């Protein structure tokens, strides 16, 4: 599923070295500060050739964090949200626990597979988006590091 369009916030492709897997390339979505225009980072793309009425599944290899920028500490529960949207409607949403940075706290280095995230095709093409939001709108950061996205179907 490429190419992606950065629609808001900071969207940064990056390659780093995992001492077990070797080079890992991922896209990082993150926000900066408490400005209402900067509290969300997202990327999207239009995907075509869906079979109307069929279901599709999204799988992603991810890691995430929700941190305060003042003291490099964990944020309060519910401060961050990560979503997968189809045509602007949420088909998957995660709200942060207190001090969440997963799958390994405090600074995650490993990814985990999330899915299936299921949606039904109502059109021949759909906009699929990934969004990281700092719900608290304070001086903190919601970050979402996505290594791989796979779309399967029709089912």
Protein backbone atom coordinates (compact mmCIF):
# COMPACT_ATOMS: atom_id res chain seq x y z
CA UNK A 1 0.00 0.00 0.00
CA UNK A 2 2.09 2.89 -1.28
CA UNK A 3 2.52 5.82 -1.86
CA UNK A 4 1.19 7.67 1.19
CA UNK A 5 0.25 11.35 1.35
CA UNK A 6 1.19 13.23 4.52
CA UNK A 7 -1.92 15.21 5.45
CA UNK A 8 -1.03 16.82 8.80
CA UNK A 9 1.61 16.94 11.52
CA UNK A 10 5.05 15.46 11.03
CA UNK A 11 5.34 12.32 8.89
CA UNK A 12 8.92 11.10 8.68
CA UNK A 13 10.27 8.01 6.92
CA UNK A 14 13.26 6.62 8.82
CA UNK A 15 15.60 3.63 8.73
CA UNK A 16 17.29 2.42 11.91
CA UNK A 17 19.23 -0.66 12.98
CA UNK A 18 17.54 -3.33 15.08
CA UNK A 19 20.25 -5.61 16.42
CA UNK A 20 18.07 -8.67 15.82
CA UNK A 21 16.33 -7.83 12.53
CA UNK A 22 18.95 -5.55 10.96
CA UNK A 23 17.79 -2.44 9.10
CA UNK A 24 14.17 -1.48 9.81
CA UNK A 25 12.39 1.15 7.72
CA UNK A 26 9.31 2.76 9.21
CA UNK A 27 7.12 5.83 8.90
CA UNK A 28 6.81 7.94 12.04
CA UNK A 29 3.70 10.06 12.60
CA UNK A 30 3.99 12.55 15.44
CA UNK A 31 2.74 15.91 16.64
CA UNK A 32 4.57 18.75 18.32
CA UNK A 33 3.35 20.96 21.16
CA UNK A 34 -0.12 22.09 22.05
CA UNK A 35 -1.19 24.13 19.02
CA UNK A 36 -4.58 22.80 17.85
CA UNK A 37 -3.22 22.61 14.30
CA UNK A 38 -0.26 20.51 15.40
CA UNK A 39 -1.93 18.00 17.72
CA UNK A 40 -2.59 15.47 14.92
CA UNK A 41 -0.32 13.69 12.47
CA UNK A 42 -1.81 11.64 9.65
CA UNK A 43 -1.12 10.01 6.32
CA UNK A 44 -3.55 8.61 3.77
CA UNK A 45 -3.90 7.14 0.33
CA UNK A 46 -6.69 6.29 -2.06
CA UNK A 47 -6.96 2.58 -2.78
CA UNK A 48 -8.98 1.38 -5.79
CA UNK A 49 -10.46 -1.81 -7.24
CA UNK A 50 -12.45 -2.91 -4.21
CA UNK A 51 -15.31 -5.37 -4.67
CA UNK A 52 -18.41 -3.58 -3.38
CA UNK A 53 -20.06 -5.51 -0.53
CA UNK A 54 -16.93 -7.49 0.36
CA UNK A 55 -14.92 -7.18 3.55
CA UNK A 56 -11.23 -6.32 3.64
CA UNK A 57 -8.61 -6.67 6.36
CA UNK A 58 -5.77 -4.33 7.27
CA UNK A 59 -2.74 -5.64 9.18
CA UNK A 60 0.05 -3.39 10.40
CA UNK A 61 3.39 -3.79 12.09
CA UNK A 62 3.58 -0.95 14.64
CA UNK A 63 4.90 0.60 17.81
CA UNK A 64 3.70 3.74 19.60
CA UNK A 65 4.30 6.17 22.45
CA UNK A 66 2.49 8.90 24.39
CA UNK A 67 4.91 11.15 26.24
CA UNK A 68 5.09 14.54 27.97
CA UNK A 69 7.62 16.86 26.35
CA UNK A 70 8.37 18.81 29.52
CA UNK A 71 9.93 16.13 31.67
CA UNK A 72 10.28 13.23 29.22
CA UNK A 73 7.76 11.42 31.38
CA UNK A 74 4.75 9.30 30.63
CA UNK A 75 1.45 11.03 29.91
CA UNK A 76 -1.88 10.66 31.68
CA UNK A 77 -4.41 8.03 30.65
CA UNK A 78 -6.37 9.01 27.55
CA UNK A 79 -3.87 11.67 26.41
CA UNK A 80 -3.24 10.04 23.00
CA UNK A 81 -5.28 8.24 20.35
CA UNK A 82 -4.21 6.20 17.32
CA UNK A 83 -6.75 5.47 14.58
CA UNK A 84 -7.19 3.77 11.22
CA UNK A 85 -9.85 5.51 9.14
CA UNK A 86 -11.65 4.53 5.95
CA UNK A 87 -13.20 7.52 4.16
CA UNK A 88 -12.83 9.55 7.35
CA UNK A 89 -14.67 7.04 9.56
CA UNK A 90 -12.75 5.23 12.29
CA UNK A 91 -12.52 1.45 11.82
CA UNK A 92 -9.91 1.03 14.57
CA UNK A 93 -9.06 3.22 17.56
CA UNK A 94 -6.71 2.87 20.52
CA UNK A 95 -6.78 5.33 23.45
CA UNK A 96 -3.65 5.47 25.58
CA UNK A 97 -3.29 4.02 29.04
CA UNK A 98 -1.34 6.05 31.58
CA UNK A 99 2.24 6.42 30.45
CA UNK A 100 1.85 4.23 27.45
CA UNK A 101 4.75 3.42 25.19
CA UNK A 102 4.32 0.01 23.65
CA UNK A 103 5.03 -2.72 22.97
CA UNK A 104 8.11 -1.98 25.11
CA UNK A 105 8.01 0.91 27.60
CA UNK A 106 9.59 3.52 27.86
CA UNK A 107 11.15 3.83 24.41
CA UNK A 108 9.94 0.98 22.23
CA UNK A 109 12.28 -0.68 19.77
CA UNK A 110 10.23 -3.70 18.74
CA UNK A 111 7.13 -3.71 16.61
CA UNK A 112 4.00 -5.80 17.02
CA UNK A 113 1.43 -6.97 14.50
CA UNK A 114 -2.05 -5.49 14.88
CA UNK A 115 -5.02 -6.84 12.97
CA UNK A 116 -7.15 -7.80 11.40
CA UNK A 117 -8.81 -4.39 11.18
CA UNK A 118 -11.91 -5.18 9.14
CA UNK A 119 -14.02 -2.89 6.97
CA UNK A 120 -16.62 -3.44 4.25
CA UNK A 121 -16.19 -1.92 0.80
CA UNK A 122 -19.14 0.29 -0.11
CA UNK A 123 -17.42 1.87 -3.12
CA UNK A 124 -14.87 0.85 -5.76
CA UNK A 125 -12.25 3.09 -4.09
CA UNK A 126 -11.68 4.23 -0.51
CA UNK A 127 -9.32 6.63 1.28
CA UNK A 128 -7.41 4.76 3.99
CA UNK A 129 -5.72 6.90 6.66
CA UNK A 130 -3.60 6.47 9.78
CA UNK A 131 -3.86 9.19 12.43
CA UNK A 132 -2.00 9.85 15.71
CA UNK A 133 -3.64 12.51 17.92
CA UNK A 134 -2.61 14.21 21.14
CA UNK A 135 -6.15 14.32 22.60
CA UNK A 136 -5.00 16.17 25.73
CA UNK A 137 -3.82 19.15 23.59
CA UNK A 138 -1.08 19.81 26.11
CA UNK A 139 2.65 20.02 25.57
CA UNK A 140 3.15 16.38 24.79
CA UNK A 141 3.56 14.02 21.91
CA UNK A 142 1.64 11.15 20.35
CA UNK A 143 3.90 9.09 18.10
CA UNK A 144 3.06 6.14 15.87
CA UNK A 145 5.80 4.19 14.15
CA UNK A 146 4.45 2.00 11.33
CA UNK A 147 6.81 -0.50 9.74
CA UNK A 148 4.50 -2.35 7.35
CA UNK A 149 0.87 -2.23 6.20
CA UNK A 150 -0.86 -5.12 4.43
CA UNK A 151 -4.36 -5.05 2.93
CA UNK A 152 -6.02 -8.41 2.23
CA UNK A 153 -9.32 -9.32 0.60
CA UNK A 154 -11.93 -9.52 -0.68
CA UNK A 155 -13.39 -11.86 1.93
